[in-house]
Amino acid sequence: MAASFLALGDSYTIGEGVDVQLRWPAQLATRLREEGHSFDPVDVIATTGWTTDELAGALQGAQLRDHYDLVSLLIGVNNQYRGRDLENYRIECAGLIDFAIGKANGRAQRVMVLSIPDWGVTPFAAAQGADAERVAAHIDHFNAIARELSIARGTAWIDVTDISRGAGRDMLTEDGLHPSAEQYALWAERVLPAARAVLGQPA
C-alpha cells in the first residue's frame, strides 16, 4: 500500500515561486520513492502569508484522509513578521501539533515539525530595511517555542534555520525572499532520516 503524507504550513510548504514538484515535501516524497517506497501524491494545506490561526481555520473545512503515514508542520514566520505575540503562538502552535498528531493516528513519531527559516538574511529583508539581527532573534524565540512543544509531544524536530542562514542563504527565488528548489533540496535531505525512521525498509 502506498504511503500518505500531509504537509501543513505557509509559503515555505507550498513552495512560493517554485514548481509544485520542487516543493520540499514533494522532493522528500521523490527521494523516498527513489529508495523504493510507494508514495501517494502529497496532500498540502498551505498558503503564502498564513499565520497559525489562519492555518487552523483552513483545517476546519479541509477534506483530508482520516490518517496519514507522515505529517509535517512548518508555521510561524508570518506570526513573527506581523509582530504577533509569542504566547499566542505557543497556544496556537500547540493546537496545530496536536492536530498533526491526530492526523498521524496518534503516532507522534510520525509528525515532523520544522523550524522557521530566517528571512532576515534575504535581499528582500535588506530592501525593506529590516534589522537582520532583530529578525534573527525573534525567529529564534519562535523556534524555541516550537521546539519545546515538539519535543514535549514526542514529534521529530527538524531544524532548517541554519540552512537558510548558511548553505542555502543565496538559494532563493526571483523575489529574493523565498527558498529556491535548490534550498528545498537541502531541506528534504535534512528531513529524510526522520521519514526513513518512520517508514522503515521499503516492501
C-alpha atoms as a PDB file:
ATOM      1  CA  MET A   1       0.000   0.000   0.000  1.00  0.00           C
ATOM      2  CA  ALA A   2       1.261   3.466  -0.881  1.00  0.00           C
ATOM      3  CA  ALA A   3       2.324   5.748   1.938  1.00  0.00           C
ATOM      4  CA  SER A   4       0.486   9.019   2.571  1.00  0.00           C
ATOM      5  CA  PHE A   5       1.950  12.398   3.526  1.00  0.00           C
ATOM      6  CA  LEU A   6       0.177  15.546   4.765  1.00  0.00           C
ATOM      7  CA  ALA A   7       2.197  18.791   4.710  1.00  0.00           C
ATOM      8  CA  LEU A   8       0.875  21.761   6.706  1.00  0.00           C
ATOM      9  CA  GLY A   9       2.171  25.312   6.671  1.00  0.00           C
ATOM     10  CA  ASP A  10       2.584  28.531   4.731  1.00  0.00           C
ATOM     11  CA  SER A  11       4.679  29.740   1.768  1.00  0.00           C
ATOM     12  CA  TYR A  12       7.611  27.560   2.825  1.00  0.00           C
ATOM     13  CA  THR A  13       5.477  24.431   2.476  1.00  0.00           C
ATOM     14  CA  ILE A  14       3.555  25.400  -0.652  1.00  0.00           C
ATOM     15  CA  GLY A  15       6.842  26.457  -2.231  1.00  0.00           C
ATOM     16  CA  GLU A  16       6.138  30.032  -3.295  1.00  0.00           C
ATOM     17  CA  GLY A  17       7.844  30.645  -6.614  1.00  0.00           C
ATOM     18  CA  VAL A  18       8.856  27.045  -7.385  1.00  0.00           C
ATOM     19  CA  ASP A  19       7.267  24.247  -9.378  1.00  0.00           C
ATOM     20  CA  VAL A  20       4.839  22.007  -7.488  1.00  0.00           C
ATOM     21  CA  GLN A  21       7.196  19.032  -7.784  1.00  0.00           C
ATOM     22  CA  LEU A  22      10.069  21.074  -6.340  1.00  0.00           C
ATOM     23  CA  ARG A  23       8.453  21.992  -3.023  1.00  0.00           C
ATOM     24  CA  TRP A  24      10.402  20.369  -0.208  1.00  0.00           C
ATOM     25  CA  PRO A  25       7.577  17.901   0.686  1.00  0.00           C
ATOM     26  CA  ALA A  26       7.390  16.779  -2.953  1.00  0.00           C
ATOM     27  CA  GLN A  27      11.189  16.469  -3.145  1.00  0.00           C
ATOM     28  CA  LEU A  28      11.129  14.390   0.042  1.00  0.00           C
ATOM     29  CA  ALA A  29       8.489  12.078  -1.422  1.00  0.00           C
ATOM     30  CA  THR A  30      10.550  11.760  -4.609  1.00  0.00           C
ATOM     31  CA  ARG A  31      13.634  10.797  -2.610  1.00  0.00           C
ATOM     32  CA  LEU A  32      11.653   8.161  -0.717  1.00  0.00           C
ATOM     33  CA  ARG A  33      10.208   6.788  -3.961  1.00  0.00           C
ATOM     34  CA  GLU A  34      13.739   6.507  -5.332  1.00  0.00           C
ATOM     35  CA  GLU A  35      14.605   4.394  -2.287  1.00  0.00           C
ATOM     36  CA  GLY A  36      11.756   2.018  -3.078  1.00  0.00           C
ATOM     37  CA  HIS A  37       8.830   3.398  -1.102  1.00  0.00           C
ATOM     38  CA  SER A  38       5.440   3.654  -2.793  1.00  0.00           C
ATOM     39  CA  PHE A  39       4.027   7.134  -2.191  1.00  0.00           C
ATOM     40  CA  ASP A  40       0.732   8.808  -2.993  1.00  0.00           C
ATOM     41  CA  PRO A  41       0.814  12.471  -4.087  1.00  0.00           C
ATOM     42  CA  VAL A  42       1.448  14.720  -1.074  1.00  0.00           C
ATOM     43  CA  ASP A  43      -1.603  16.461   0.394  1.00  0.00           C
ATOM     44  CA  VAL A  44      -0.654  20.089   1.055  1.00  0.00           C
ATOM     45  CA  ILE A  45      -2.642  22.517   3.193  1.00  0.00           C
ATOM     46  CA  ALA A  46      -0.625  25.721   2.985  1.00  0.00           C
ATOM     47  CA  THR A  47      -0.947  29.249   1.634  1.00  0.00           C
ATOM     48  CA  THR A  48       1.543  32.081   1.384  1.00  0.00           C
ATOM     49  CA  GLY A  49       1.049  34.523   4.249  1.00  0.00           C
ATOM     50  CA  TRP A  50      -0.772  32.207   6.644  1.00  0.00           C
ATOM     51  CA  THR A  51      -0.335  32.586  10.378  1.00  0.00           C
ATOM     52  CA  THR A  52      -1.079  29.851  12.905  1.00  0.00           C
ATOM     53  CA  ASP A  53      -4.722  30.864  13.321  1.00  0.00           C
ATOM     54  CA  GLU A  54      -5.279  31.077   9.561  1.00  0.00           C
ATOM     55  CA  LEU A  55      -3.882  27.573   9.053  1.00  0.00           C
ATOM     56  CA  ALA A  56      -6.043  26.290  11.906  1.00  0.00           C
ATOM     57  CA  GLY A  57      -9.112  27.907  10.353  1.00  0.00           C
ATOM     58  CA  ALA A  58      -8.414  26.331   6.963  1.00  0.00           C
ATOM     59  CA  LEU A  59      -8.048  22.892   8.530  1.00  0.00           C
ATOM     60  CA  GLN A  60     -11.574  23.035   9.923  1.00  0.00           C
ATOM     61  CA  GLY A  61     -13.093  22.670   6.469  1.00  0.00           C
ATOM     62  CA  ALA A  62     -10.329  20.745   4.716  1.00  0.00           C
ATOM     63  CA  GLN A  63     -11.147  17.452   3.012  1.00  0.00           C
ATOM     64  CA  LEU A  64      -8.464  15.147   4.367  1.00  0.00           C
ATOM     65  CA  ARG A  65      -7.900  11.457   4.939  1.00  0.00           C
ATOM     66  CA  ASP A  66      -8.610  10.137   8.391  1.00  0.00           C
ATOM     67  CA  HIS A  67      -4.944   9.324   8.955  1.00  0.00           C
ATOM     68  CA  TYR A  68      -1.547   9.745   7.289  1.00  0.00           C
ATOM     69  CA  ASP A  69       1.751   7.900   7.478  1.00  0.00           C
ATOM     70  CA  LEU A  70       3.684  11.184   7.652  1.00  0.00           C
ATOM     71  CA  VAL A  71       2.589  14.674   8.689  1.00  0.00           C
ATOM     72  CA  SER A  72       4.758  17.795   8.594  1.00  0.00           C
ATOM     73  CA  LEU A  73       4.189  21.221  10.134  1.00  0.00           C
ATOM     74  CA  LEU A  74       6.110  24.423   9.465  1.00  0.00           C
ATOM     75  CA  ILE A  75       4.327  27.572  10.610  1.00  0.00           C
ATOM     76  CA  GLY A  76       5.079  30.839  12.357  1.00  0.00           C
ATOM     77  CA  VAL A  77       7.083  33.117  10.090  1.00  0.00           C
ATOM     78  CA  ASN A  78       4.038  35.272   9.412  1.00  0.00           C
ATOM     79  CA  ASN A  79       3.263  35.458  13.125  1.00  0.00           C
ATOM     80  CA  GLN A  80       6.768  36.868  13.556  1.00  0.00           C
ATOM     81  CA  TYR A  81       6.521  39.141  10.510  1.00  0.00           C
ATOM     82  CA  ARG A  82       3.243  40.637  11.717  1.00  0.00           C
ATOM     83  CA  GLY A  83       4.533  41.132  15.240  1.00  0.00           C
ATOM     84  CA  ARG A  84       2.216  38.573  16.807  1.00  0.00           C
ATOM     85  CA  ASP A  85       2.514  37.623  20.474  1.00  0.00           C
ATOM     86  CA  LEU A  86       4.825  34.751  21.420  1.00  0.00           C
ATOM     87  CA  GLU A  87       2.469  33.274  23.991  1.00  0.00           C
ATOM     88  CA  ASN A  88      -0.360  33.321  21.472  1.00  0.00           C
ATOM     89  CA  TYR A  89       1.952  31.446  19.101  1.00  0.00           C
ATOM     90  CA  ARG A  90       2.642  28.908  21.825  1.00  0.00           C
ATOM     91  CA  ILE A  91      -1.073  28.187  22.250  1.00  0.00           C
ATOM     92  CA  GLU A  92      -1.889  28.034  18.544  1.00  0.00           C
ATOM     93  CA  CYS A  93       1.235  26.083  17.572  1.00  0.00           C
ATOM     94  CA  ALA A  94       0.455  23.541  20.279  1.00  0.00           C
ATOM     95  CA  GLY A  95      -3.018  23.103  18.837  1.00  0.00           C
ATOM     96  CA  LEU A  96      -1.605  22.561  15.345  1.00  0.00           C
ATOM     97  CA  ILE A  97       0.929  19.997  16.557  1.00  0.00           C
ATOM     98  CA  ASP A  98      -1.869  18.180  18.345  1.00  0.00           C
ATOM     99  CA  PHE A  99      -3.930  18.248  15.127  1.00  0.00           C
ATOM    100  CA  ALA A 100      -0.955  16.827  13.223  1.00  0.00           C
ATOM    101  CA  ILE A 101      -0.550  14.029  15.764  1.00  0.00           C
ATOM    102  CA  GLY A 102      -4.249  13.243  15.432  1.00  0.00           C
ATOM    103  CA  LYS A 103      -3.864  13.001  11.663  1.00  0.00           C
ATOM    104  CA  ALA A 104      -0.963  10.616  12.242  1.00  0.00           C
ATOM    105  CA  ASN A 105      -3.392   8.387  14.133  1.00  0.00           C
ATOM    106  CA  GLY A 106      -1.919   9.465  17.454  1.00  0.00           C
ATOM    107  CA  ARG A 107       1.601   8.374  16.468  1.00  0.00           C
ATOM    108  CA  ALA A 108       3.640  11.427  17.402  1.00  0.00           C
ATOM    109  CA  GLN A 109       6.841   9.979  15.964  1.00  0.00           C
ATOM    110  CA  ARG A 110       5.259  10.221  12.501  1.00  0.00           C
ATOM    111  CA  VAL A 111       4.957  14.014  12.812  1.00  0.00           C
ATOM    112  CA  MET A 112       7.831  16.223  11.673  1.00  0.00           C
ATOM    113  CA  VAL A 113       7.893  19.797  12.958  1.00  0.00           C
ATOM    114  CA  LEU A 114      10.265  22.056  11.031  1.00  0.00           C
ATOM    115  CA  SER A 115      11.859  25.248  12.273  1.00  0.00           C
ATOM    116  CA  ILE A 116      11.114  28.651  10.754  1.00  0.00           C
ATOM    117  CA  PRO A 117      13.822  29.782   8.309  1.00  0.00           C
ATOM    118  CA  ASP A 118      15.399  33.208   8.715  1.00  0.00           C
ATOM    119  CA  TRP A 119      14.022  35.648   6.143  1.00  0.00           C
ATOM    120  CA  GLY A 120      16.065  38.441   7.713  1.00  0.00           C
ATOM    121  CA  VAL A 121      19.184  37.406   5.768  1.00  0.00           C
ATOM    122  CA  THR A 122      17.487  37.794   2.367  1.00  0.00           C
ATOM    123  CA  PRO A 123      17.736  40.608  -0.197  1.00  0.00           C
ATOM    124  CA  PHE A 124      14.005  41.195   0.370  1.00  0.00           C
ATOM    125  CA  ALA A 125      14.671  41.958   4.026  1.00  0.00           C
ATOM    126  CA  ALA A 126      17.525  44.290   3.133  1.00  0.00           C
ATOM    127  CA  ALA A 127      15.305  46.152   0.663  1.00  0.00           C
ATOM    128  CA  GLN A 128      12.649  46.516   3.365  1.00  0.00           C
ATOM    129  CA  GLY A 129      15.212  47.965   5.756  1.00  0.00           C
ATOM    130  CA  ALA A 130      14.696  45.109   8.196  1.00  0.00           C
ATOM    131  CA  ASP A 131      17.109  44.757  11.117  1.00  0.00           C
ATOM    132  CA  ALA A 132      18.616  41.335  10.401  1.00  0.00           C
ATOM    133  CA  GLU A 133      19.806  40.763  13.963  1.00  0.00           C
ATOM    134  CA  ARG A 134      16.410  41.674  15.386  1.00  0.00           C
ATOM    135  CA  VAL A 135      14.608  39.374  12.928  1.00  0.00           C
ATOM    136  CA  ALA A 136      17.021  36.550  13.767  1.00  0.00           C
ATOM    137  CA  ALA A 137      16.453  36.997  17.498  1.00  0.00           C
ATOM    138  CA  HIS A 138      12.675  36.982  17.059  1.00  0.00           C
ATOM    139  CA  ILE A 139      12.747  33.886  14.874  1.00  0.00           C
ATOM    140  CA  ASP A 140      14.948  32.148  17.427  1.00  0.00           C
ATOM    141  CA  HIS A 141      12.307  32.877  20.094  1.00  0.00           C
ATOM    142  CA  PHE A 142       9.514  31.447  17.938  1.00  0.00           C
ATOM    143  CA  ASN A 143      11.620  28.392  17.102  1.00  0.00           C
ATOM    144  CA  ALA A 144      12.451  27.800  20.758  1.00  0.00           C
ATOM    145  CA  ILE A 145       8.729  27.567  21.481  1.00  0.00           C
ATOM    146  CA  ALA A 146       8.023  25.231  18.557  1.00  0.00           C
ATOM    147  CA  ARG A 147      10.989  23.040  19.511  1.00  0.00           C
ATOM    148  CA  GLU A 148       9.841  22.810  23.123  1.00  0.00           C
ATOM    149  CA  LEU A 149       6.306  21.866  22.078  1.00  0.00           C
ATOM    150  CA  SER A 150       7.567  19.355  19.526  1.00  0.00           C
ATOM    151  CA  ILE A 151       9.942  17.570  21.866  1.00  0.00           C
ATOM    152  CA  ALA A 152       7.419  17.512  24.718  1.00  0.00           C
ATOM    153  CA  ARG A 153       4.923  15.752  22.456  1.00  0.00           C
ATOM    154  CA  GLY A 154       7.411  13.264  21.032  1.00  0.00           C
ATOM    155  CA  THR A 155       7.398  14.518  17.449  1.00  0.00           C
ATOM    156  CA  ALA A 156      10.501  14.858  15.301  1.00  0.00           C
ATOM    157  CA  TRP A 157      12.032  18.343  15.495  1.00  0.00           C
ATOM    158  CA  ILE A 158      13.947  19.295  12.353  1.00  0.00           C
ATOM    159  CA  ASP A 159      15.974  22.496  12.252  1.00  0.00           C
ATOM    160  CA  VAL A 160      16.323  24.068   8.799  1.00  0.00           C
ATOM    161  CA  THR A 161      17.015  27.586  10.067  1.00  0.00           C
ATOM    162  CA  ASP A 162      20.762  27.041   9.873  1.00  0.00           C
ATOM    163  CA  ILE A 163      20.391  26.096   6.204  1.00  0.00           C
ATOM    164  CA  SER A 164      18.581  29.374   5.481  1.00  0.00           C
ATOM    165  CA  ARG A 165      21.382  31.269   7.212  1.00  0.00           C
ATOM    166  CA  GLY A 166      24.239  29.224   5.737  1.00  0.00           C
ATOM    167  CA  ALA A 167      24.451  26.876   2.775  1.00  0.00           C
ATOM    168  CA  GLY A 168      21.049  27.882   1.389  1.00  0.00           C
ATOM    169  CA  ARG A 169      21.308  31.614   2.051  1.00  0.00           C
ATOM    170  CA  ASP A 170      21.728  32.579  -1.604  1.00  0.00           C
ATOM    171  CA  MET A 171      19.434  29.844  -2.941  1.00  0.00           C
ATOM    172  CA  LEU A 172      16.324  31.957  -3.445  1.00  0.00           C
ATOM    173  CA  THR A 173      13.570  32.503  -5.991  1.00  0.00           C
ATOM    174  CA  GLU A 174      13.361  35.660  -8.075  1.00  0.00           C
ATOM    175  CA  ASP A 175      11.547  37.506  -5.285  1.00  0.00           C
ATOM    176  CA  GLY A 176      14.705  37.458  -3.196  1.00  0.00           C
ATOM    177  CA  LEU A 177      12.787  36.051  -0.245  1.00  0.00           C
ATOM    178  CA  HIS A 178      11.557  32.500  -0.700  1.00  0.00           C
ATOM    179  CA  PRO A 179      13.797  29.428  -0.969  1.00  0.00           C
ATOM    180  CA  SER A 180      14.578  28.056  -4.395  1.00  0.00           C
ATOM    181  CA  ALA A 181      14.245  24.417  -5.387  1.00  0.00           C
ATOM    182  CA  GLU A 182      17.942  24.018  -4.572  1.00  0.00           C
ATOM    183  CA  GLN A 183      17.471  25.184  -0.997  1.00  0.00           C
ATOM    184  CA  TYR A 184      14.387  22.977  -0.635  1.00  0.00           C
ATOM    185  CA  ALA A 185      16.532  20.042  -1.726  1.00  0.00           C
ATOM    186  CA  LEU A 186      18.753  20.708   1.291  1.00  0.00           C
ATOM    187  CA  TRP A 187      15.665  20.787   3.497  1.00  0.00           C
ATOM    188  CA  ALA A 188      14.431  17.479   2.070  1.00  0.00           C
ATOM    189  CA  GLU A 189      17.845  15.960   2.760  1.00  0.00           C
ATOM    190  CA  ARG A 190      17.621  17.168   6.360  1.00  0.00           C
ATOM    191  CA  VAL A 191      14.134  15.688   6.821  1.00  0.00           C
ATOM    192  CA  LEU A 192      14.905  12.395   5.064  1.00  0.00           C
ATOM    193  CA  PRO A 193      16.360  10.475   8.069  1.00  0.00           C
ATOM    194  CA  ALA A 194      13.260  11.155  10.184  1.00  0.00           C
ATOM    195  CA  ALA A 195      10.981   9.969   7.381  1.00  0.00           C
ATOM    196  CA  ARG A 196      13.107   6.864   6.817  1.00  0.00           C
ATOM    197  CA  ALA A 197      12.955   6.029  10.525  1.00  0.00           C
ATOM    198  CA  VAL A 198       9.163   6.119  10.437  1.00  0.00           C
ATOM    199  CA  LEU A 199       8.627   4.238   7.179  1.00  0.00           C
ATOM    200  CA  GLY A 200      11.263   1.568   7.695  1.00  0.00           C
ATOM    201  CA  GLN A 201      12.588  -0.511   4.839  1.00  0.00           C
ATOM    202  CA  PRO A 202      10.548  -0.428   1.626  1.00  0.00           C
ATOM    203  CA  ALA A 203       8.489  -3.531   0.932  1.00  0.00           C
END
